[in-house]
Amino acid sequence: MPNVSVNGIVIDDTFAEAFGMRATAIIITAPNRKWARQAAITMTGFATSVIGCGCEAAIDVELPPSATPDGRPGCRVMIFAMGTDELQKQLLNRVGQCVLTSPGSACFAGLEGSAALKLGSALRYFGDGWQISKKIGGRHFWRVPVMDGEFLCEATTGLTKAAVGGGNFFVMAETSARALLAAEVAVAAIGLVPGAIVPFPGGIARSGSKIGGKYKGMIASANEAYAPTLRGVVRSELGADINAVLEIVIDGETNDAVAAAMKAGIKAVIELGPKRGAVRISAGNYGGKLGKFIYSLKDMLP
């Protein structure tokens, strides 16, 4: 199928290639929205890519008091990693250093998965023997004494092995300002899709990469084919009208969540139109040889 044009935006005849991952989720609550978000944002810092961060994490959705276990404002946070051991390590480190420490916080399971990961059952030891076990309605919690009262934390949370990481698409525009606006509307639309996150800063990556590089030890390096400043000296994928490219990377609880997020983001970019935003949409892949999950852009169109 050749490239197509939708609302004046060229859609490349290509696909995104994604990988199976492990994932979990927790619900963080606090006395108000500000502190629920603060704990969640702190916990998900330095979690853009498993390449250098060990995991990928972000806020999935903000929750009103009516949707949380303790009737307070909250956030559902999702964390993705390549293996179960690394996911467990990242979960405990991040909750222990960023949620336990945050004023008024509490932490609950945010996923019913195929297996359990330790949460309060490991963090309880901070209580140094003063922690209290509590079972309510078939759920197990730990009450850990802290200086502003107690840190309430569910004993475990769920693990899913059906998660997908690396769904993506490229927003390509005549100027950096237009590329950024198009990427921002895409991220806003994806934010309404449950079970999907965009882990890069503000949901957007400008440093799209390829596997390896010419320097020893590089796991990933600049994708020069999509760098506008190198257009005249490399085999470029960019026409003369493209001066900025931004990438949206999506992780999802399921294959369907990634597909829904891609569709929502691409629809938003198309609706914005080429005069204000992108003139072309593409995607990154490895020729279909590495990732189990394939998302053809033509199937993602509104």
C-alpha atoms as a PDB file:
ATOM      1  CA  MET A   1       0.000   0.000   0.000  1.00  0.00           C
ATOM      2  CA  PRO A   2       1.456   3.408  -0.941  1.00  0.00           C
ATOM      3  CA  ASN A   3       1.573   6.371   1.399  1.00  0.00           C
ATOM      4  CA  VAL A   4      -1.807   8.010   1.868  1.00  0.00           C
ATOM      5  CA  SER A   5      -2.878  11.546   2.715  1.00  0.00           C
ATOM      6  CA  VAL A   6      -5.498  12.253   5.373  1.00  0.00           C
ATOM      7  CA  ASN A   7      -6.576  15.845   5.974  1.00  0.00           C
ATOM      8  CA  GLY A   8      -3.460  16.991   4.155  1.00  0.00           C
ATOM      9  CA  ILE A   9      -1.078  14.891   6.282  1.00  0.00           C
ATOM     10  CA  VAL A  10       0.997  12.154   4.636  1.00  0.00           C
ATOM     11  CA  ILE A  11       0.745   8.801   6.430  1.00  0.00           C
ATOM     12  CA  ASP A  12       3.721   6.571   5.652  1.00  0.00           C
ATOM     13  CA  ASP A  13       3.109   2.994   4.563  1.00  0.00           C
ATOM     14  CA  THR A  14       4.962   1.552   7.532  1.00  0.00           C
ATOM     15  CA  PHE A  15       4.440   0.123  11.012  1.00  0.00           C
ATOM     16  CA  ALA A  16       5.486   0.386  14.637  1.00  0.00           C
ATOM     17  CA  GLU A  17       7.151  -2.630  16.194  1.00  0.00           C
ATOM     18  CA  ALA A  18       6.745  -3.302  19.918  1.00  0.00           C
ATOM     19  CA  PHE A  19       7.852  -5.849  22.497  1.00  0.00           C
ATOM     20  CA  GLY A  20       6.366  -7.922  25.278  1.00  0.00           C
ATOM     21  CA  MET A  21       7.066  -6.575  28.765  1.00  0.00           C
ATOM     22  CA  ARG A  22       6.198  -7.129  32.406  1.00  0.00           C
ATOM     23  CA  ALA A  23       4.043  -4.452  34.056  1.00  0.00           C
ATOM     24  CA  THR A  24       2.408  -3.537  37.314  1.00  0.00           C
ATOM     25  CA  ALA A  25       0.325  -0.693  38.660  1.00  0.00           C
ATOM     26  CA  ILE A  26      -0.302   0.980  41.994  1.00  0.00           C
ATOM     27  CA  ILE A  27      -2.735   3.579  43.261  1.00  0.00           C
ATOM     28  CA  ILE A  28      -1.220   6.430  45.248  1.00  0.00           C
ATOM     29  CA  THR A  29      -3.517   8.572  47.392  1.00  0.00           C
ATOM     30  CA  ALA A  30      -2.914  11.666  49.468  1.00  0.00           C
ATOM     31  CA  PRO A  31      -4.833  14.384  51.368  1.00  0.00           C
ATOM     32  CA  ASN A  32      -5.327  16.353  48.142  1.00  0.00           C
ATOM     33  CA  ARG A  33      -4.679  16.193  44.399  1.00  0.00           C
ATOM     34  CA  LYS A  34      -1.461  18.201  44.649  1.00  0.00           C
ATOM     35  CA  TRP A  35       0.242  15.694  46.924  1.00  0.00           C
ATOM     36  CA  ALA A  36      -1.117  12.621  45.144  1.00  0.00           C
ATOM     37  CA  ARG A  37       0.366  13.974  41.913  1.00  0.00           C
ATOM     38  CA  GLN A  38       3.601  14.981  43.623  1.00  0.00           C
ATOM     39  CA  ALA A  39       4.212  11.469  44.933  1.00  0.00           C
ATOM     40  CA  ALA A  40       3.323   9.945  41.557  1.00  0.00           C
ATOM     41  CA  ILE A  41       5.489  12.359  39.570  1.00  0.00           C
ATOM     42  CA  THR A  42       8.457  11.846  41.896  1.00  0.00           C
ATOM     43  CA  MET A  43       8.075   8.077  41.737  1.00  0.00           C
ATOM     44  CA  THR A  44       8.004   8.045  37.948  1.00  0.00           C
ATOM     45  CA  GLY A  45      11.019  10.302  37.497  1.00  0.00           C
ATOM     46  CA  PHE A  46      13.985   8.916  35.544  1.00  0.00           C
ATOM     47  CA  ALA A  47      11.815   6.191  34.014  1.00  0.00           C
ATOM     48  CA  THR A  48      11.712   7.053  30.324  1.00  0.00           C
ATOM     49  CA  SER A  49      13.377   3.957  28.889  1.00  0.00           C
ATOM     50  CA  VAL A  50      14.574   0.557  30.051  1.00  0.00           C
ATOM     51  CA  ILE A  51      17.772   1.266  28.074  1.00  0.00           C
ATOM     52  CA  GLY A  52      19.142   3.534  30.782  1.00  0.00           C
ATOM     53  CA  CYS A  53      16.559   3.720  33.556  1.00  0.00           C
ATOM     54  CA  GLY A  54      15.748   0.085  34.304  1.00  0.00           C
ATOM     55  CA  CYS A  55      12.029   0.657  33.815  1.00  0.00           C
ATOM     56  CA  GLU A  56       9.468   2.841  32.085  1.00  0.00           C
ATOM     57  CA  ALA A  57       6.810   4.505  34.207  1.00  0.00           C
ATOM     58  CA  ALA A  58       4.229   7.281  34.219  1.00  0.00           C
ATOM     59  CA  ILE A  59       0.845   8.275  35.566  1.00  0.00           C
ATOM     60  CA  ASP A  60      -1.895   6.322  33.820  1.00  0.00           C
ATOM     61  CA  VAL A  61      -4.844   8.277  35.162  1.00  0.00           C
ATOM     62  CA  GLU A  62      -5.775  10.639  37.976  1.00  0.00           C
ATOM     63  CA  LEU A  63      -8.530   9.301  40.214  1.00  0.00           C
ATOM     64  CA  PRO A  64     -11.266  11.163  42.076  1.00  0.00           C
ATOM     65  CA  PRO A  65     -11.927  10.274  45.730  1.00  0.00           C
ATOM     66  CA  SER A  66     -14.897   8.140  44.657  1.00  0.00           C
ATOM     67  CA  ALA A  67     -12.547   5.838  42.711  1.00  0.00           C
ATOM     68  CA  THR A  68      -9.854   5.183  45.323  1.00  0.00           C
ATOM     69  CA  PRO A  69      -9.751   2.627  48.154  1.00  0.00           C
ATOM     70  CA  ASP A  70      -9.545   5.246  50.932  1.00  0.00           C
ATOM     71  CA  GLY A  71     -11.803   7.927  49.448  1.00  0.00           C
ATOM     72  CA  ARG A  72      -9.009  10.443  48.799  1.00  0.00           C
ATOM     73  CA  PRO A  73      -7.634  11.927  45.559  1.00  0.00           C
ATOM     74  CA  GLY A  74      -5.225   9.602  43.816  1.00  0.00           C
ATOM     75  CA  CYS A  75      -3.202   8.580  40.787  1.00  0.00           C
ATOM     76  CA  ARG A  76      -2.814   5.212  39.116  1.00  0.00           C
ATOM     77  CA  VAL A  77       0.824   4.720  38.186  1.00  0.00           C
ATOM     78  CA  MET A  78       2.083   2.060  35.787  1.00  0.00           C
ATOM     79  CA  ILE A  79       5.606   0.604  35.697  1.00  0.00           C
ATOM     80  CA  PHE A  80       7.072  -1.536  32.902  1.00  0.00           C
ATOM     81  CA  ALA A  81      10.270  -3.596  32.794  1.00  0.00           C
ATOM     82  CA  MET A  82      11.731  -6.374  30.683  1.00  0.00           C
ATOM     83  CA  GLY A  83      11.755  -8.934  33.496  1.00  0.00           C
ATOM     84  CA  THR A  84       9.941  -9.707  36.743  1.00  0.00           C
ATOM     85  CA  ASP A  85      12.996  -9.349  38.993  1.00  0.00           C
ATOM     86  CA  GLU A  86      13.818  -5.884  37.650  1.00  0.00           C
ATOM     87  CA  LEU A  87      10.193  -4.823  37.914  1.00  0.00           C
ATOM     88  CA  GLN A  88      10.071  -5.914  41.568  1.00  0.00           C
ATOM     89  CA  LYS A  89      13.287  -4.035  42.306  1.00  0.00           C
ATOM     90  CA  GLN A  90      12.098  -0.843  40.628  1.00  0.00           C
ATOM     91  CA  LEU A  91       8.712  -0.995  42.336  1.00  0.00           C
ATOM     92  CA  LEU A  92      10.127  -1.284  45.855  1.00  0.00           C
ATOM     93  CA  ASN A  93      12.858   1.289  45.331  1.00  0.00           C
ATOM     94  CA  ARG A  94      10.510   3.863  43.878  1.00  0.00           C
ATOM     95  CA  VAL A  95       7.661   3.396  46.344  1.00  0.00           C
ATOM     96  CA  GLY A  96      10.084   3.253  49.274  1.00  0.00           C
ATOM     97  CA  GLN A  97      11.977   6.394  48.299  1.00  0.00           C
ATOM     98  CA  CYS A  98       9.233   8.464  46.697  1.00  0.00           C
ATOM     99  CA  VAL A  99       5.822   7.452  48.084  1.00  0.00           C
ATOM    100  CA  LEU A 100       6.593   6.361  51.638  1.00  0.00           C
ATOM    101  CA  THR A 101       8.445   9.667  52.032  1.00  0.00           C
ATOM    102  CA  SER A 102       5.670  11.867  50.611  1.00  0.00           C
ATOM    103  CA  PRO A 103       3.386  13.657  53.131  1.00  0.00           C
ATOM    104  CA  GLY A 104       0.066  11.953  53.788  1.00  0.00           C
ATOM    105  CA  SER A 105       0.533   9.260  51.156  1.00  0.00           C
ATOM    106  CA  ALA A 106      -0.962   5.783  51.010  1.00  0.00           C
ATOM    107  CA  CYS A 107      -0.331   3.048  48.457  1.00  0.00           C
ATOM    108  CA  PHE A 108      -2.664   0.369  47.093  1.00  0.00           C
ATOM    109  CA  ALA A 109      -2.614  -2.380  44.486  1.00  0.00           C
ATOM    110  CA  GLY A 110      -3.543  -1.018  41.073  1.00  0.00           C
ATOM    111  CA  LEU A 111      -3.653  -4.230  39.077  1.00  0.00           C
ATOM    112  CA  GLU A 112      -5.058  -7.729  39.438  1.00  0.00           C
ATOM    113  CA  GLY A 113      -2.464  -9.752  37.581  1.00  0.00           C
ATOM    114  CA  SER A 114      -1.394 -13.321  36.969  1.00  0.00           C
ATOM    115  CA  ALA A 115       1.107 -13.120  39.852  1.00  0.00           C
ATOM    116  CA  ALA A 116       1.870 -10.901  42.834  1.00  0.00           C
ATOM    117  CA  LEU A 117       4.686  -8.464  43.492  1.00  0.00           C
ATOM    118  CA  LYS A 118       5.766  -7.467  46.994  1.00  0.00           C
ATOM    119  CA  LEU A 119       4.710  -4.004  48.103  1.00  0.00           C
ATOM    120  CA  GLY A 120       3.881  -3.364  51.763  1.00  0.00           C
ATOM    121  CA  SER A 121       4.997  -6.887  52.647  1.00  0.00           C
ATOM    122  CA  ALA A 122       8.575  -5.726  51.974  1.00  0.00           C
ATOM    123  CA  LEU A 123       8.331  -2.026  52.822  1.00  0.00           C
ATOM    124  CA  ARG A 124       6.873  -2.847  56.253  1.00  0.00           C
ATOM    125  CA  TYR A 125      10.355  -3.423  57.623  1.00  0.00           C
ATOM    126  CA  PHE A 126      10.892   0.324  57.659  1.00  0.00           C
ATOM    127  CA  GLY A 127       8.605   0.220  60.690  1.00  0.00           C
ATOM    128  CA  ASP A 128      11.401  -1.503  62.636  1.00  0.00           C
ATOM    129  CA  GLY A 129       8.996  -3.795  64.453  1.00  0.00           C
ATOM    130  CA  TRP A 130       6.274  -1.211  65.093  1.00  0.00           C
ATOM    131  CA  GLN A 131       4.398  -1.960  61.846  1.00  0.00           C
ATOM    132  CA  ILE A 132       0.915  -3.471  62.126  1.00  0.00           C
ATOM    133  CA  SER A 133      -0.722  -6.031  59.829  1.00  0.00           C
ATOM    134  CA  LYS A 134      -4.346  -5.390  58.881  1.00  0.00           C
ATOM    135  CA  LYS A 135      -6.772  -7.491  56.815  1.00  0.00           C
ATOM    136  CA  ILE A 136      -9.961  -5.912  55.501  1.00  0.00           C
ATOM    137  CA  GLY A 137     -12.378  -7.544  53.073  1.00  0.00           C
ATOM    138  CA  GLY A 138      -9.882 -10.151  51.964  1.00  0.00           C
ATOM    139  CA  ARG A 139      -7.148  -7.573  51.317  1.00  0.00           C
ATOM    140  CA  HIS A 140      -3.943  -7.366  53.333  1.00  0.00           C
ATOM    141  CA  PHE A 141      -2.441  -4.025  54.384  1.00  0.00           C
ATOM    142  CA  TRP A 142       0.488  -2.824  56.453  1.00  0.00           C
ATOM    143  CA  ARG A 143       0.374   0.230  58.711  1.00  0.00           C
ATOM    144  CA  VAL A 144       3.860   1.682  59.037  1.00  0.00           C
ATOM    145  CA  PRO A 145       4.503   4.458  61.585  1.00  0.00           C
ATOM    146  CA  VAL A 146       5.949   7.660  60.130  1.00  0.00           C
ATOM    147  CA  MET A 147       6.386  11.155  61.521  1.00  0.00           C
ATOM    148  CA  ASP A 148       3.058  12.522  60.235  1.00  0.00           C
ATOM    149  CA  GLY A 149       1.031   9.470  61.292  1.00  0.00           C
ATOM    150  CA  GLU A 150       0.950   6.175  59.391  1.00  0.00           C
ATOM    151  CA  PHE A 151       1.857   5.001  55.922  1.00  0.00           C
ATOM    152  CA  LEU A 152      -0.867   2.591  54.804  1.00  0.00           C
ATOM    153  CA  CYS A 153       0.373   0.223  52.111  1.00  0.00           C
ATOM    154  CA  GLU A 154      -1.231  -2.841  50.559  1.00  0.00           C
ATOM    155  CA  ALA A 155       0.872  -5.989  50.977  1.00  0.00           C
ATOM    156  CA  THR A 156       1.104  -6.863  47.285  1.00  0.00           C
ATOM    157  CA  THR A 157       0.066  -5.689  43.849  1.00  0.00           C
ATOM    158  CA  GLY A 158      -0.490  -7.579  40.618  1.00  0.00           C
ATOM    159  CA  LEU A 159       1.893  -8.420  37.789  1.00  0.00           C
ATOM    160  CA  THR A 160       0.911  -8.858  34.159  1.00  0.00           C
ATOM    161  CA  LYS A 161       3.024 -10.631  31.566  1.00  0.00           C
ATOM    162  CA  ALA A 162       0.742  -9.466  28.746  1.00  0.00           C
ATOM    163  CA  ALA A 163       2.038  -5.879  28.687  1.00  0.00           C
ATOM    164  CA  VAL A 164       3.470  -4.279  25.557  1.00  0.00           C
ATOM    165  CA  GLY A 165       6.200  -1.660  25.297  1.00  0.00           C
ATOM    166  CA  GLY A 166       7.396   0.420  22.383  1.00  0.00           C
ATOM    167  CA  GLY A 167       4.328   1.290  20.375  1.00  0.00           C
ATOM    168  CA  ASN A 168       5.234   4.504  18.605  1.00  0.00           C
ATOM    169  CA  PHE A 169       4.738   7.042  15.874  1.00  0.00           C
ATOM    170  CA  PHE A 170       6.708   9.994  14.541  1.00  0.00           C
ATOM    171  CA  VAL A 171       5.254  13.486  14.242  1.00  0.00           C
ATOM    172  CA  MET A 172       7.013  15.313  11.398  1.00  0.00           C
ATOM    173  CA  ALA A 173       6.607  19.019  10.729  1.00  0.00           C
ATOM    174  CA  GLU A 174       7.991  22.049   8.921  1.00  0.00           C
ATOM    175  CA  THR A 175       9.038  23.728  12.183  1.00  0.00           C
ATOM    176  CA  SER A 176       9.890  22.608  15.709  1.00  0.00           C
ATOM    177  CA  ALA A 177       6.995  24.659  17.105  1.00  0.00           C
ATOM    178  CA  ARG A 178       4.474  22.869  14.885  1.00  0.00           C
ATOM    179  CA  ALA A 179       5.967  19.471  15.674  1.00  0.00           C
ATOM    180  CA  LEU A 180       5.711  20.202  19.384  1.00  0.00           C
ATOM    181  CA  LEU A 181       2.085  21.328  19.156  1.00  0.00           C
ATOM    182  CA  ALA A 182       1.157  18.214  17.186  1.00  0.00           C
ATOM    183  CA  ALA A 183       2.943  15.996  19.704  1.00  0.00           C
ATOM    184  CA  GLU A 184       1.228  17.771  22.595  1.00  0.00           C
ATOM    185  CA  VAL A 185      -2.262  17.193  21.208  1.00  0.00           C
ATOM    186  CA  ALA A 186      -1.347  13.547  20.620  1.00  0.00           C
ATOM    187  CA  VAL A 187      -0.189  13.123  24.220  1.00  0.00           C
ATOM    188  CA  ALA A 188      -3.352  14.796  25.535  1.00  0.00           C
ATOM    189  CA  ALA A 189      -5.504  12.370  23.537  1.00  0.00           C
ATOM    190  CA  ILE A 190      -3.489   9.350  24.649  1.00  0.00           C
ATOM    191  CA  GLY A 191      -3.930  10.486  28.255  1.00  0.00           C
ATOM    192  CA  LEU A 192      -7.631   9.661  27.949  1.00  0.00           C
ATOM    193  CA  VAL A 193      -6.911   6.033  27.033  1.00  0.00           C
ATOM    194  CA  PRO A 194      -6.886   3.795  30.131  1.00  0.00           C
ATOM    195  CA  GLY A 195      -4.038   1.364  30.598  1.00  0.00           C
ATOM    196  CA  ALA A 196      -1.539   3.206  28.389  1.00  0.00           C
ATOM    197  CA  ILE A 197       1.318   5.545  29.267  1.00  0.00           C
ATOM    198  CA  VAL A 198       3.811   7.729  27.396  1.00  0.00           C
ATOM    199  CA  PRO A 199       6.958   7.595  29.560  1.00  0.00           C
ATOM    200  CA  PHE A 200       9.213  10.234  27.972  1.00  0.00           C
ATOM    201  CA  PRO A 201       9.288  13.863  29.233  1.00  0.00           C
ATOM    202  CA  GLY A 202       5.783  15.216  28.768  1.00  0.00           C
ATOM    203  CA  GLY A 203       5.132  12.079  26.729  1.00  0.00           C
ATOM    204  CA  ILE A 204       7.484  13.198  23.936  1.00  0.00           C
ATOM    205  CA  ALA A 205      10.953  12.071  22.782  1.00  0.00           C
ATOM    206  CA  ARG A 206      13.123  14.164  20.480  1.00  0.00           C
ATOM    207  CA  SER A 207      16.112  11.800  20.545  1.00  0.00           C
ATOM    208  CA  GLY A 208      14.704   8.860  18.623  1.00  0.00           C
ATOM    209  CA  SER A 209      17.371   6.170  18.428  1.00  0.00           C
ATOM    210  CA  LYS A 210      18.597   3.194  16.468  1.00  0.00           C
ATOM    211  CA  ILE A 211      20.107   0.005  17.912  1.00  0.00           C
ATOM    212  CA  GLY A 212      23.832   0.183  18.610  1.00  0.00           C
ATOM    213  CA  GLY A 213      26.261   2.730  17.209  1.00  0.00           C
ATOM    214  CA  LYS A 214      29.824   3.165  15.980  1.00  0.00           C
ATOM    215  CA  TYR A 215      31.218   3.558  19.493  1.00  0.00           C
ATOM    216  CA  LYS A 216      31.882   0.457  21.600  1.00  0.00           C
ATOM    217  CA  GLY A 217      29.296  -0.232  24.288  1.00  0.00           C
ATOM    218  CA  MET A 218      26.537   1.935  22.844  1.00  0.00           C
ATOM    219  CA  ILE A 219      23.182   0.200  23.211  1.00  0.00           C
ATOM    220  CA  ALA A 220      21.433   2.928  21.229  1.00  0.00           C
ATOM    221  CA  SER A 221      22.513   6.007  19.305  1.00  0.00           C
ATOM    222  CA  ALA A 222      21.175   8.860  17.194  1.00  0.00           C
ATOM    223  CA  ASN A 223      18.824   7.855  14.399  1.00  0.00           C
ATOM    224  CA  GLU A 224      20.575  10.013  11.800  1.00  0.00           C
ATOM    225  CA  ALA A 225      18.062   9.208   9.070  1.00  0.00           C
ATOM    226  CA  TYR A 226      15.523  11.333  10.943  1.00  0.00           C
ATOM    227  CA  ALA A 227      17.848  14.150  12.029  1.00  0.00           C
ATOM    228  CA  PRO A 228      17.078  17.246   9.898  1.00  0.00           C
ATOM    229  CA  THR A 229      20.527  18.793  10.343  1.00  0.00           C
ATOM    230  CA  LEU A 230      22.130  15.699   8.759  1.00  0.00           C
ATOM    231  CA  ARG A 231      19.814  15.567   5.766  1.00  0.00           C
ATOM    232  CA  GLY A 232      22.553  16.541   3.291  1.00  0.00           C
ATOM    233  CA  VAL A 233      25.239  14.149   4.523  1.00  0.00           C
ATOM    234  CA  VAL A 234      23.424  10.873   5.325  1.00  0.00           C
ATOM    235  CA  ARG A 235      20.804   8.671   3.703  1.00  0.00           C
ATOM    236  CA  SER A 236      17.886  10.667   5.046  1.00  0.00           C
ATOM    237  CA  GLU A 237      14.234   9.705   5.433  1.00  0.00           C
ATOM    238  CA  LEU A 238      13.240  13.369   5.449  1.00  0.00           C
ATOM    239  CA  GLY A 239      12.050  15.519   2.584  1.00  0.00           C
ATOM    240  CA  ALA A 240      12.948  19.178   2.254  1.00  0.00           C
ATOM    241  CA  ASP A 241       9.725  20.177   4.020  1.00  0.00           C
ATOM    242  CA  ILE A 242      10.570  18.343   7.282  1.00  0.00           C
ATOM    243  CA  ASN A 243      12.653  20.306   9.781  1.00  0.00           C
ATOM    244  CA  ALA A 244      11.569  18.693  13.053  1.00  0.00           C
ATOM    245  CA  VAL A 245      10.618  15.170  14.149  1.00  0.00           C
ATOM    246  CA  LEU A 246       9.237  14.129  17.534  1.00  0.00           C
ATOM    247  CA  GLU A 247       8.445  10.602  18.653  1.00  0.00           C
ATOM    248  CA  ILE A 248       5.595   9.382  20.837  1.00  0.00           C
ATOM    249  CA  VAL A 249       6.441   6.097  22.575  1.00  0.00           C
ATOM    250  CA  ILE A 250       3.585   4.137  24.149  1.00  0.00           C
ATOM    251  CA  ASP A 251       3.541   1.327  26.716  1.00  0.00           C
ATOM    252  CA  GLY A 252       0.306  -0.491  27.429  1.00  0.00           C
ATOM    253  CA  GLU A 253      -1.195  -2.934  29.852  1.00  0.00           C
ATOM    254  CA  THR A 254      -2.345  -4.921  26.817  1.00  0.00           C
ATOM    255  CA  ASN A 255      -1.881  -5.025  23.063  1.00  0.00           C
ATOM    256  CA  ASP A 256      -5.328  -3.443  22.684  1.00  0.00           C
ATOM    257  CA  ALA A 257      -4.390  -0.553  24.980  1.00  0.00           C
ATOM    258  CA  VAL A 258      -1.353   0.297  22.833  1.00  0.00           C
ATOM    259  CA  ALA A 259      -3.420   0.152  19.644  1.00  0.00           C
ATOM    260  CA  ALA A 260      -6.136   2.350  21.163  1.00  0.00           C
ATOM    261  CA  ALA A 261      -3.536   4.876  22.326  1.00  0.00           C
ATOM    262  CA  MET A 262      -1.880   5.014  18.908  1.00  0.00           C
ATOM    263  CA  LYS A 263      -5.244   5.520  17.239  1.00  0.00           C
ATOM    264  CA  ALA A 264      -6.180   8.305  19.657  1.00  0.00           C
ATOM    265  CA  GLY A 265      -2.855  10.102  19.249  1.00  0.00           C
ATOM    266  CA  ILE A 266      -2.776   9.858  15.466  1.00  0.00           C
ATOM    267  CA  LYS A 267      -6.408  11.007  15.219  1.00  0.00           C
ATOM    268  CA  ALA A 268      -5.580  14.108  17.273  1.00  0.00           C
ATOM    269  CA  VAL A 269      -2.611  14.966  15.040  1.00  0.00           C
ATOM    270  CA  ILE A 270      -4.718  14.535  11.905  1.00  0.00           C
ATOM    271  CA  GLU A 271      -7.498  16.723  13.290  1.00  0.00           C
ATOM    272  CA  LEU A 272      -5.006  19.480  14.133  1.00  0.00           C
ATOM    273  CA  GLY A 273      -3.994  19.543  10.484  1.00  0.00           C
ATOM    274  CA  PRO A 274      -0.802  20.447   8.607  1.00  0.00           C
ATOM    275  CA  LYS A 275      -1.098  24.225   8.802  1.00  0.00           C
ATOM    276  CA  ARG A 276      -0.726  24.179  12.591  1.00  0.00           C
ATOM    277  CA  GLY A 277       0.977  20.847  13.158  1.00  0.00           C
ATOM    278  CA  ALA A 278       2.428  17.847  11.359  1.00  0.00           C
ATOM    279  CA  VAL A 279       2.671  17.361   7.596  1.00  0.00           C
ATOM    280  CA  ARG A 280       3.639  13.691   7.875  1.00  0.00           C
ATOM    281  CA  ILE A 281       3.320  10.757  10.298  1.00  0.00           C
ATOM    282  CA  SER A 282       5.664   7.767  10.318  1.00  0.00           C
ATOM    283  CA  ALA A 283       6.774   5.083  12.791  1.00  0.00           C
ATOM    284  CA  GLY A 284       9.844   3.202  13.981  1.00  0.00           C
ATOM    285  CA  ASN A 285      10.478  -0.504  13.519  1.00  0.00           C
ATOM    286  CA  TYR A 286      13.177  -3.153  13.112  1.00  0.00           C
ATOM    287  CA  GLY A 287      11.871  -4.674   9.913  1.00  0.00           C
ATOM    288  CA  GLY A 288       9.455  -6.864  11.860  1.00  0.00           C
ATOM    289  CA  LYS A 289      12.319  -9.097  13.009  1.00  0.00           C
ATOM    290  CA  LEU A 290      12.560  -8.266  16.730  1.00  0.00           C
ATOM    291  CA  GLY A 291       9.185  -7.246  18.152  1.00  0.00           C
ATOM    292  CA  LYS A 292       6.201  -9.542  18.575  1.00  0.00           C
ATOM    293  CA  PHE A 293       3.650  -6.758  18.166  1.00  0.00           C
ATOM    294  CA  ILE A 294       3.112  -4.940  14.857  1.00  0.00           C
ATOM    295  CA  TYR A 295       0.961  -1.816  14.461  1.00  0.00           C
ATOM    296  CA  SER A 296       0.464  -0.800  10.841  1.00  0.00           C
ATOM    297  CA  LEU A 297      -0.211   2.932  10.545  1.00  0.00           C
ATOM    298  CA  LYS A 298      -2.946   2.335   7.979  1.00  0.00           C
ATOM    299  CA  ASP A 299      -4.822   0.338  10.640  1.00  0.00           C
ATOM    300  CA  MET A 300      -4.452   3.191  13.129  1.00  0.00           C
ATOM    301  CA  LEU A 301      -6.222   5.810  10.990  1.00  0.00           C
ATOM    302  CA  PRO A 302      -9.527   7.332  12.100  1.00  0.00           C
END
